[in-house]
C-alpha atoms as a PDB file:
ATOM      1  CA  MET A   1       2.869  -7.008   5.382  1.00  0.00           C
ATOM      2  CA  SER A   2       3.823  -5.585   1.738  1.00  0.00           C
ATOM      3  CA  THR A   3       7.467  -4.308   1.256  1.00  0.00           C
ATOM      4  CA  PRO A   4       7.228  -1.136  -0.928  1.00  0.00           C
ATOM      5  CA  VAL A   5       9.366  -0.504  -4.524  1.00  0.00           C
ATOM      6  CA  ILE A   6      12.523   1.238  -3.830  1.00  0.00           C
ATOM      7  CA  ALA A   7      11.541   3.820  -6.368  1.00  0.00           C
ATOM      8  CA  GLN A   8      15.239   5.605  -5.826  1.00  0.00           C
ATOM      9  CA  LYS A   9      17.690   5.560  -2.751  1.00  0.00           C
ATOM     10  CA  SER A  10      17.873   9.014  -2.634  1.00  0.00           C
ATOM     11  CA  PRO A  11      15.902  11.771  -1.494  1.00  0.00           C
ATOM     12  CA  ILE A  12      13.330  13.685  -4.104  1.00  0.00           C
ATOM     13  CA  PRO A  13      13.714  17.646  -3.379  1.00  0.00           C
ATOM     14  CA  THR A  14      10.501  19.273  -4.395  1.00  0.00           C
ATOM     15  CA  GLN A  15       9.507  23.027  -4.694  1.00  0.00           C
ATOM     16  CA  VAL A  16       5.916  22.815  -2.512  1.00  0.00           C
ATOM     17  CA  GLU A  17       3.572  25.606  -1.842  1.00  0.00           C
ATOM     18  CA  ALA A  18       2.187  26.607   1.853  1.00  0.00           C
ATOM     19  CA  GLY A  19      -1.379  25.512   2.451  1.00  0.00           C
ATOM     20  CA  GLN A  20      -1.273  23.129  -0.501  1.00  0.00           C
ATOM     21  CA  THR A  21      -1.823  19.243  -0.066  1.00  0.00           C
ATOM     22  CA  TYR A  22       0.663  16.843  -1.880  1.00  0.00           C
ATOM     23  CA  TYR A  23      -0.486  13.125  -2.169  1.00  0.00           C
ATOM     24  CA  TRP A  24       2.954  11.258  -1.724  1.00  0.00           C
ATOM     25  CA  CYS A  25       3.603   7.608  -3.067  1.00  0.00           C
ATOM     26  CA  SER A  26       3.809   4.901  -0.378  1.00  0.00           C
ATOM     27  CA  CYS A  27       4.086   2.192  -2.952  1.00  0.00           C
ATOM     28  CA  GLY A  28       6.811   2.890  -5.131  1.00  0.00           C
ATOM     29  CA  LYS A  29       5.275   2.130  -8.098  1.00  0.00           C
ATOM     30  CA  SER A  30       4.006   5.725  -9.157  1.00  0.00           C
ATOM     31  CA  ALA A  31       5.159   6.564 -12.527  1.00  0.00           C
ATOM     32  CA  ASN A  32       4.858  10.428 -11.160  1.00  0.00           C
ATOM     33  CA  GLN A  33       7.661  10.064  -8.312  1.00  0.00           C
ATOM     34  CA  PRO A  34       7.329  11.115  -5.311  1.00  0.00           C
ATOM     35  CA  PHE A  35       3.484  11.559  -6.128  1.00  0.00           C
ATOM     36  CA  CYS A  36       0.990   8.921  -6.312  1.00  0.00           C
ATOM     37  CA  ASP A  37      -0.753   8.252  -9.930  1.00  0.00           C
ATOM     38  CA  GLY A  38      -2.972   5.382  -8.592  1.00  0.00           C
ATOM     39  CA  ALA A  39      -0.674   2.606  -9.035  1.00  0.00           C
ATOM     40  CA  HIS A  40      -1.101   1.176  -5.722  1.00  0.00           C
ATOM     41  CA  LYS A  41      -4.648   0.077  -6.573  1.00  0.00           C
ATOM     42  CA  GLY A  42      -5.211  -3.551  -5.371  1.00  0.00           C
ATOM     43  CA  SER A  43      -2.339  -3.689  -3.021  1.00  0.00           C
ATOM     44  CA  ALA A  44      -1.864  -2.617   0.792  1.00  0.00           C
ATOM     45  CA  PHE A  45      -0.652   0.785  -0.070  1.00  0.00           C
ATOM     46  CA  SER A  46      -2.362   4.218  -0.230  1.00  0.00           C
ATOM     47  CA  PRO A  47      -1.164   7.564  -0.648  1.00  0.00           C
ATOM     48  CA  ILE A  48       0.144   9.576   2.014  1.00  0.00           C
ATOM     49  CA  ALA A  49      -1.096  13.404   2.273  1.00  0.00           C
ATOM     50  CA  TYR A  50       1.345  16.044   2.913  1.00  0.00           C
ATOM     51  CA  THR A  51       0.286  19.784   3.673  1.00  0.00           C
ATOM     52  CA  ALA A  52       3.365  22.428   3.291  1.00  0.00           C
ATOM     53  CA  GLU A  53       3.788  24.646   5.788  1.00  0.00           C
ATOM     54  CA  LYS A  54       5.610  26.608   4.099  1.00  0.00           C
ATOM     55  CA  THR A  55       6.605  27.659   0.536  1.00  0.00           C
ATOM     56  CA  GLY A  56      10.197  25.945  -0.792  1.00  0.00           C
ATOM     57  CA  PRO A  57      12.319  23.080  -1.142  1.00  0.00           C
ATOM     58  CA  VAL A  58      10.889  19.741   0.799  1.00  0.00           C
ATOM     59  CA  TYR A  59      12.599  16.353   0.228  1.00  0.00           C
ATOM     60  CA  PHE A  60      10.037  13.426   0.076  1.00  0.00           C
ATOM     61  CA  CYS A  61      11.483  10.140   1.076  1.00  0.00           C
ATOM     62  CA  GLY A  62      12.602   8.105  -2.371  1.00  0.00           C
ATOM     63  CA  CYS A  63      13.152   4.842  -0.734  1.00  0.00           C
ATOM     64  CA  LYS A  64       9.624   4.122   0.613  1.00  0.00           C
ATOM     65  CA  HIS A  65      11.147   3.395   4.254  1.00  0.00           C
ATOM     66  CA  SER A  66      11.059   6.492   5.851  1.00  0.00           C
ATOM     67  CA  ALA A  67       9.703   6.550   9.358  1.00  0.00           C
ATOM     68  CA  ASN A  68       9.005  10.022   8.986  1.00  0.00           C
ATOM     69  CA  GLY A  69       6.086   9.669   6.760  1.00  0.00           C
ATOM     70  CA  ALA A  70       6.816  10.965   3.095  1.00  0.00           C
ATOM     71  CA  LEU A  71       9.617  13.261   4.182  1.00  0.00           C
ATOM     72  CA  CYS A  72      13.127  11.536   3.880  1.00  0.00           C
ATOM     73  CA  ASP A  73      14.587  10.733   7.394  1.00  0.00           C
ATOM     74  CA  GLY A  74      17.936   9.060   5.737  1.00  0.00           C
ATOM     75  CA  ALA A  75      16.525   5.147   5.655  1.00  0.00           C
ATOM     76  CA  HIS A  76      17.821   4.549   2.187  1.00  0.00           C
ATOM     77  CA  LYS A  77      21.262   4.978   3.635  1.00  0.00           C
ATOM     78  CA  SER A  78      20.861   1.325   4.967  1.00  0.00           C
ATOM     79  CA  LEU A  79      19.046  -0.006   2.302  1.00  0.00           C
END
């Protein structure tokens, strides 16, 4: 299994809009963190869709090691 690039060792706070779908970068190579820009092409990674339930801030995973999908679960603290 491939290991993702650690984009940053902290969550990425982002304003989202209810009902909007965002595509989180799972490989860590996107220049548009936390979102996918297609940099994963040719790898084992693919973006993960996240649909916001409400408008407001969310904390996307920046280290790419979260067990909570696109959202931070604190995994960066052990890297």
